[in-house]
Amino acid sequence: EKMGINLMAKALQECPDSGILWAEEIKTAPRATRRAKSLEALKRCDNDPHVICAVAGLFVDERKYPKARKWYNRAVTLDDKIGDVWAAYFAFELTHGEDEHQKDVTARCAGADP
């Protein structure tokens, strides 16, 4: 575990503006530090869809579903060609959304053709 933490720290030093790395850092951070990591990531790469998606996942963990939906929507609006973001959004809607939201995400994803 310590080796992974050191490797991620080194990766973030070498690529401080990598949204994919910051998103992974948010997801793998201990629960107590996730909010701080997400704030730091948003400062570094505010409009990165991977970071926005990871932050949406934090809101899901905190059961703040309307806020999570807004953040997932923001992520797919920023770049509608990232299939992983669409998959996370759709999985969220399947678990916590209504049929109307699920159909909307499906139609928008099909239109974007990620």
N, C-alpha and C. Protein backbone atom coordinates (compact mmCIF):
# COMPACT_ATOMS: atom_id res chain seq x y z
N GLU A 1 0.83 -1.20 0.00
CA GLU A 1 0.00 0.00 0.00
C GLU A 1 0.87 1.26 0.00
N LYS A 2 1.91 1.23 0.82
CA LYS A 2 2.79 2.40 0.91
C LYS A 2 3.49 2.67 -0.42
N MET A 3 3.83 1.58 -1.12
CA MET A 3 4.47 1.73 -2.42
C MET A 3 3.53 2.43 -3.41
N GLY A 4 2.26 2.08 -3.36
CA GLY A 4 1.27 2.71 -4.23
C GLY A 4 1.11 4.19 -3.94
N ILE A 5 1.12 4.54 -2.67
CA ILE A 5 1.00 5.95 -2.27
C ILE A 5 2.21 6.74 -2.78
N ASN A 6 3.40 6.15 -2.61
CA ASN A 6 4.61 6.81 -3.08
C ASN A 6 4.62 6.97 -4.60
N LEU A 7 4.18 5.93 -5.29
CA LEU A 7 4.14 5.97 -6.75
C LEU A 7 3.15 7.04 -7.24
N MET A 8 1.99 7.14 -6.59
CA MET A 8 1.01 8.16 -6.97
C MET A 8 1.56 9.56 -6.69
N ALA A 9 2.24 9.74 -5.57
CA ALA A 9 2.83 11.04 -5.25
C ALA A 9 3.85 11.44 -6.30
N LYS A 10 4.66 10.50 -6.73
CA LYS A 10 5.66 10.77 -7.75
C LYS A 10 4.98 11.10 -9.09
N ALA A 11 3.95 10.34 -9.43
CA ALA A 11 3.22 10.59 -10.68
C ALA A 11 2.59 11.98 -10.68
N LEU A 12 2.02 12.38 -9.56
CA LEU A 12 1.40 13.71 -9.48
C LEU A 12 2.44 14.83 -9.50
N GLN A 13 3.66 14.54 -9.04
CA GLN A 13 4.73 15.54 -9.14
C GLN A 13 5.15 15.72 -10.59
N GLU A 14 5.22 14.61 -11.31
CA GLU A 14 5.65 14.67 -12.70
C GLU A 14 4.55 15.19 -13.63
N CYS A 15 3.30 14.88 -13.31
CA CYS A 15 2.17 15.31 -14.15
C CYS A 15 1.10 15.97 -13.26
N PRO A 16 1.38 17.17 -12.75
CA PRO A 16 0.46 17.79 -11.78
C PRO A 16 -0.89 18.20 -12.36
N ASP A 17 -1.00 18.26 -13.67
CA ASP A 17 -2.26 18.67 -14.29
C ASP A 17 -3.01 17.50 -14.92
N SER A 18 -2.66 16.28 -14.56
CA SER A 18 -3.32 15.10 -15.12
C SER A 18 -4.63 14.82 -14.38
N GLY A 19 -5.73 15.02 -15.06
CA GLY A 19 -7.04 14.78 -14.46
C GLY A 19 -7.27 13.32 -14.12
N ILE A 20 -6.75 12.42 -14.94
CA ILE A 20 -6.92 10.99 -14.68
C ILE A 20 -6.21 10.60 -13.39
N LEU A 21 -5.00 11.10 -13.19
CA LEU A 21 -4.27 10.80 -11.95
C LEU A 21 -4.98 11.38 -10.73
N TRP A 22 -5.44 12.61 -10.85
CA TRP A 22 -6.13 13.23 -9.71
C TRP A 22 -7.43 12.50 -9.39
N ALA A 23 -8.15 12.05 -10.42
CA ALA A 23 -9.39 11.31 -10.18
C ALA A 23 -9.10 10.02 -9.42
N GLU A 24 -8.04 9.33 -9.81
CA GLU A 24 -7.66 8.10 -9.12
C GLU A 24 -7.21 8.39 -7.69
N GLU A 25 -6.53 9.50 -7.49
CA GLU A 25 -6.09 9.90 -6.15
C GLU A 25 -7.30 10.15 -5.25
N ILE A 26 -8.33 10.78 -5.80
CA ILE A 26 -9.56 11.04 -5.02
C ILE A 26 -10.22 9.72 -4.64
N LYS A 27 -10.35 8.83 -5.62
CA LYS A 27 -11.05 7.56 -5.38
C LYS A 27 -10.34 6.66 -4.39
N THR A 28 -9.00 6.70 -4.37
CA THR A 28 -8.24 5.78 -3.52
C THR A 28 -7.81 6.38 -2.19
N ALA A 29 -8.06 7.66 -1.99
CA ALA A 29 -7.66 8.32 -0.74
C ALA A 29 -8.52 7.80 0.42
N PRO A 30 -7.97 7.81 1.61
CA PRO A 30 -8.79 7.45 2.78
C PRO A 30 -9.99 8.41 2.89
N ARG A 31 -11.08 7.90 3.40
CA ARG A 31 -12.32 8.68 3.46
C ARG A 31 -12.12 10.06 4.07
N ALA A 32 -11.32 10.15 5.10
CA ALA A 32 -11.13 11.43 5.80
C ALA A 32 -10.44 12.48 4.94
N THR A 33 -9.67 12.06 3.95
CA THR A 33 -8.91 13.03 3.15
C THR A 33 -9.49 13.23 1.74
N ARG A 34 -10.56 12.56 1.42
CA ARG A 34 -11.11 12.66 0.05
C ARG A 34 -11.55 14.08 -0.30
N ARG A 35 -12.21 14.74 0.62
CA ARG A 35 -12.68 16.10 0.34
C ARG A 35 -11.50 17.04 0.06
N ALA A 36 -10.47 16.95 0.87
CA ALA A 36 -9.29 17.80 0.67
C ALA A 36 -8.63 17.47 -0.67
N LYS A 37 -8.52 16.19 -0.99
CA LYS A 37 -7.93 15.79 -2.28
C LYS A 37 -8.76 16.32 -3.44
N SER A 38 -10.08 16.27 -3.29
CA SER A 38 -10.93 16.74 -4.38
C SER A 38 -10.80 18.25 -4.56
N LEU A 39 -10.67 18.99 -3.48
CA LEU A 39 -10.48 20.44 -3.59
C LEU A 39 -9.16 20.77 -4.28
N GLU A 40 -8.12 20.03 -3.91
CA GLU A 40 -6.81 20.24 -4.53
C GLU A 40 -6.87 19.90 -6.02
N ALA A 41 -7.53 18.80 -6.34
CA ALA A 41 -7.66 18.40 -7.75
C ALA A 41 -8.44 19.43 -8.56
N LEU A 42 -9.50 19.97 -7.97
CA LEU A 42 -10.29 20.98 -8.67
C LEU A 42 -9.49 22.26 -8.88
N LYS A 43 -8.60 22.58 -7.95
CA LYS A 43 -7.74 23.74 -8.14
C LYS A 43 -6.78 23.53 -9.30
N ARG A 44 -6.23 22.31 -9.37
CA ARG A 44 -5.23 22.00 -10.39
C ARG A 44 -5.84 21.85 -11.79
N CYS A 45 -6.95 21.16 -11.87
CA CYS A 45 -7.57 20.91 -13.18
C CYS A 45 -9.09 20.99 -13.04
N ASP A 46 -9.56 22.22 -12.96
CA ASP A 46 -10.96 22.52 -12.67
C ASP A 46 -11.94 21.93 -13.67
N ASN A 47 -11.62 21.99 -14.93
CA ASN A 47 -12.57 21.54 -15.94
C ASN A 47 -12.21 20.20 -16.55
N ASP A 48 -11.63 19.32 -15.77
CA ASP A 48 -11.31 17.99 -16.27
C ASP A 48 -12.46 17.04 -15.96
N PRO A 49 -13.03 16.39 -16.97
CA PRO A 49 -14.19 15.51 -16.75
C PRO A 49 -13.90 14.34 -15.80
N HIS A 50 -12.68 13.84 -15.79
CA HIS A 50 -12.35 12.73 -14.89
C HIS A 50 -12.41 13.17 -13.43
N VAL A 51 -11.90 14.37 -13.16
CA VAL A 51 -11.94 14.90 -11.79
C VAL A 51 -13.38 15.20 -11.40
N ILE A 52 -14.15 15.80 -12.29
CA ILE A 52 -15.55 16.13 -12.02
C ILE A 52 -16.33 14.85 -11.71
N CYS A 53 -16.07 13.80 -12.47
CA CYS A 53 -16.73 12.52 -12.26
C CYS A 53 -16.36 11.92 -10.90
N ALA A 54 -15.09 12.02 -10.52
CA ALA A 54 -14.65 11.51 -9.22
C ALA A 54 -15.32 12.27 -8.08
N VAL A 55 -15.47 13.58 -8.25
CA VAL A 55 -16.14 14.39 -7.23
C VAL A 55 -17.62 14.00 -7.15
N ALA A 56 -18.23 13.74 -8.30
CA ALA A 56 -19.62 13.27 -8.30
C ALA A 56 -19.74 11.98 -7.49
N GLY A 57 -18.75 11.10 -7.64
CA GLY A 57 -18.74 9.86 -6.86
C GLY A 57 -18.68 10.12 -5.36
N LEU A 58 -17.97 11.17 -4.96
CA LEU A 58 -17.93 11.53 -3.55
C LEU A 58 -19.32 11.92 -3.05
N PHE A 59 -20.04 12.67 -3.88
CA PHE A 59 -21.39 13.07 -3.49
C PHE A 59 -22.32 11.86 -3.40
N VAL A 60 -22.12 10.87 -4.24
CA VAL A 60 -22.90 9.65 -4.15
C VAL A 60 -22.62 8.96 -2.82
N ASP A 61 -21.34 8.87 -2.45
CA ASP A 61 -20.96 8.25 -1.18
C ASP A 61 -21.59 8.97 0.00
N GLU A 62 -21.78 10.29 -0.13
CA GLU A 62 -22.38 11.09 0.94
C GLU A 62 -23.90 11.14 0.83
N ARG A 63 -24.45 10.40 -0.12
CA ARG A 63 -25.91 10.33 -0.38
C ARG A 63 -26.51 11.68 -0.77
N LYS A 64 -25.70 12.50 -1.43
CA LYS A 64 -26.17 13.79 -1.95
C LYS A 64 -26.46 13.60 -3.44
N TYR A 65 -27.54 12.88 -3.73
CA TYR A 65 -27.81 12.44 -5.10
C TYR A 65 -28.12 13.57 -6.09
N PRO A 66 -28.90 14.58 -5.73
CA PRO A 66 -29.12 15.66 -6.70
C PRO A 66 -27.82 16.38 -7.08
N LYS A 67 -26.95 16.58 -6.09
CA LYS A 67 -25.67 17.23 -6.34
C LYS A 67 -24.79 16.33 -7.22
N ALA A 68 -24.80 15.03 -6.94
CA ALA A 68 -24.03 14.09 -7.75
C ALA A 68 -24.51 14.12 -9.20
N ARG A 69 -25.81 14.17 -9.39
CA ARG A 69 -26.38 14.21 -10.75
C ARG A 69 -25.89 15.45 -11.50
N LYS A 70 -25.86 16.60 -10.82
CA LYS A 70 -25.37 17.83 -11.45
C LYS A 70 -23.91 17.70 -11.87
N TRP A 71 -23.10 17.08 -11.02
CA TRP A 71 -21.67 16.94 -11.31
C TRP A 71 -21.44 15.93 -12.43
N TYR A 72 -22.19 14.83 -12.43
CA TYR A 72 -22.06 13.88 -13.55
C TYR A 72 -22.47 14.56 -14.85
N ASN A 73 -23.54 15.33 -14.80
CA ASN A 73 -23.99 16.04 -16.00
C ASN A 73 -22.93 17.03 -16.47
N ARG A 74 -22.30 17.71 -15.54
CA ARG A 74 -21.22 18.65 -15.88
C ARG A 74 -20.07 17.91 -16.55
N ALA A 75 -19.73 16.73 -16.03
CA ALA A 75 -18.62 15.95 -16.58
C ALA A 75 -18.89 15.54 -18.03
N VAL A 76 -20.10 15.06 -18.32
CA VAL A 76 -20.38 14.63 -19.70
C VAL A 76 -20.58 15.83 -20.62
N THR A 77 -20.93 16.97 -20.06
CA THR A 77 -21.07 18.18 -20.87
C THR A 77 -19.69 18.71 -21.28
N LEU A 78 -18.72 18.61 -20.38
CA LEU A 78 -17.37 19.08 -20.68
C LEU A 78 -16.73 18.28 -21.81
N ASP A 79 -16.91 16.96 -21.79
CA ASP A 79 -16.36 16.11 -22.85
C ASP A 79 -17.25 14.88 -22.98
N ASP A 80 -18.06 14.86 -24.03
CA ASP A 80 -19.02 13.77 -24.18
C ASP A 80 -18.44 12.55 -24.90
N LYS A 81 -17.13 12.52 -25.08
CA LYS A 81 -16.50 11.38 -25.76
C LYS A 81 -15.80 10.41 -24.81
N ILE A 82 -15.93 10.62 -23.51
CA ILE A 82 -15.27 9.74 -22.53
C ILE A 82 -16.29 8.71 -22.04
N GLY A 83 -16.14 7.51 -22.52
CA GLY A 83 -17.09 6.44 -22.19
C GLY A 83 -17.13 6.09 -20.72
N ASP A 84 -15.99 6.17 -20.02
CA ASP A 84 -15.97 5.84 -18.59
C ASP A 84 -16.86 6.79 -17.78
N VAL A 85 -16.89 8.04 -18.17
CA VAL A 85 -17.72 9.02 -17.46
C VAL A 85 -19.19 8.71 -17.71
N TRP A 86 -19.53 8.40 -18.96
CA TRP A 86 -20.92 8.02 -19.27
C TRP A 86 -21.32 6.78 -18.48
N ALA A 87 -20.42 5.80 -18.41
CA ALA A 87 -20.72 4.56 -17.68
C ALA A 87 -20.98 4.83 -16.21
N ALA A 88 -20.16 5.69 -15.60
CA ALA A 88 -20.35 6.03 -14.18
C ALA A 88 -21.68 6.76 -13.98
N TYR A 89 -22.00 7.67 -14.89
CA TYR A 89 -23.25 8.43 -14.82
C TYR A 89 -24.45 7.49 -14.94
N PHE A 90 -24.39 6.58 -15.91
CA PHE A 90 -25.50 5.65 -16.12
C PHE A 90 -25.64 4.69 -14.94
N ALA A 91 -24.52 4.20 -14.41
CA ALA A 91 -24.58 3.31 -13.24
C ALA A 91 -25.21 4.04 -12.05
N PHE A 92 -24.88 5.31 -11.89
CA PHE A 92 -25.48 6.11 -10.83
C PHE A 92 -27.00 6.20 -11.02
N GLU A 93 -27.42 6.49 -12.25
CA GLU A 93 -28.86 6.63 -12.52
C GLU A 93 -29.59 5.30 -12.35
N LEU A 94 -28.95 4.19 -12.73
CA LEU A 94 -29.58 2.88 -12.53
C LEU A 94 -29.82 2.59 -11.06
N THR A 95 -28.87 2.98 -10.23
CA THR A 95 -28.96 2.70 -8.80
C THR A 95 -29.83 3.70 -8.06
N HIS A 96 -29.71 4.98 -8.41
CA HIS A 96 -30.35 6.02 -7.60
C HIS A 96 -31.34 6.89 -8.36
N GLY A 97 -31.47 6.69 -9.66
CA GLY A 97 -32.31 7.57 -10.46
C GLY A 97 -33.65 6.95 -10.81
N GLU A 98 -34.47 7.77 -11.41
CA GLU A 98 -35.77 7.31 -11.87
C GLU A 98 -35.66 6.92 -13.34
N ASP A 99 -36.68 6.24 -13.81
CA ASP A 99 -36.70 5.75 -15.18
C ASP A 99 -36.48 6.87 -16.20
N GLU A 100 -37.05 8.02 -15.92
CA GLU A 100 -36.92 9.18 -16.82
C GLU A 100 -35.46 9.61 -16.96
N HIS A 101 -34.74 9.66 -15.84
CA HIS A 101 -33.32 10.03 -15.86
C HIS A 101 -32.49 9.00 -16.62
N GLN A 102 -32.80 7.72 -16.40
CA GLN A 102 -32.07 6.64 -17.07
C GLN A 102 -32.23 6.74 -18.59
N LYS A 103 -33.45 6.97 -19.04
CA LYS A 103 -33.70 7.09 -20.48
C LYS A 103 -33.00 8.31 -21.06
N ASP A 104 -32.97 9.40 -20.31
CA ASP A 104 -32.30 10.62 -20.76
C ASP A 104 -30.81 10.39 -20.94
N VAL A 105 -30.18 9.76 -19.94
CA VAL A 105 -28.74 9.50 -20.03
C VAL A 105 -28.45 8.54 -21.19
N THR A 106 -29.27 7.52 -21.36
CA THR A 106 -29.08 6.56 -22.46
C THR A 106 -29.17 7.26 -23.81
N ALA A 107 -30.17 8.11 -23.97
CA ALA A 107 -30.35 8.82 -25.25
C ALA A 107 -29.20 9.78 -25.50
N ARG A 108 -28.79 10.51 -24.49
CA ARG A 108 -27.69 11.46 -24.68
C ARG A 108 -26.38 10.75 -24.98
N CYS A 109 -26.16 9.62 -24.32
CA CYS A 109 -24.93 8.85 -24.56
C CYS A 109 -24.93 8.30 -25.99
N ALA A 110 -26.06 7.78 -26.43
CA ALA A 110 -26.15 7.25 -27.79
C ALA A 110 -25.90 8.36 -28.82
N GLY A 111 -26.40 9.57 -28.52
CA GLY A 111 -26.18 10.70 -29.41
C GLY A 111 -24.74 11.15 -29.44
N ALA A 112 -24.06 11.03 -28.30
CA ALA A 112 -22.65 11.46 -28.22
C ALA A 112 -21.72 10.44 -28.87
N ASP A 113 -22.10 9.17 -28.82
CA ASP A 113 -21.32 8.08 -29.39
C ASP A 113 -19.86 8.11 -28.90
N PRO A 114 -19.67 7.94 -27.57
CA PRO A 114 -18.30 8.00 -27.02
C PRO A 114 -17.42 6.83 -27.49
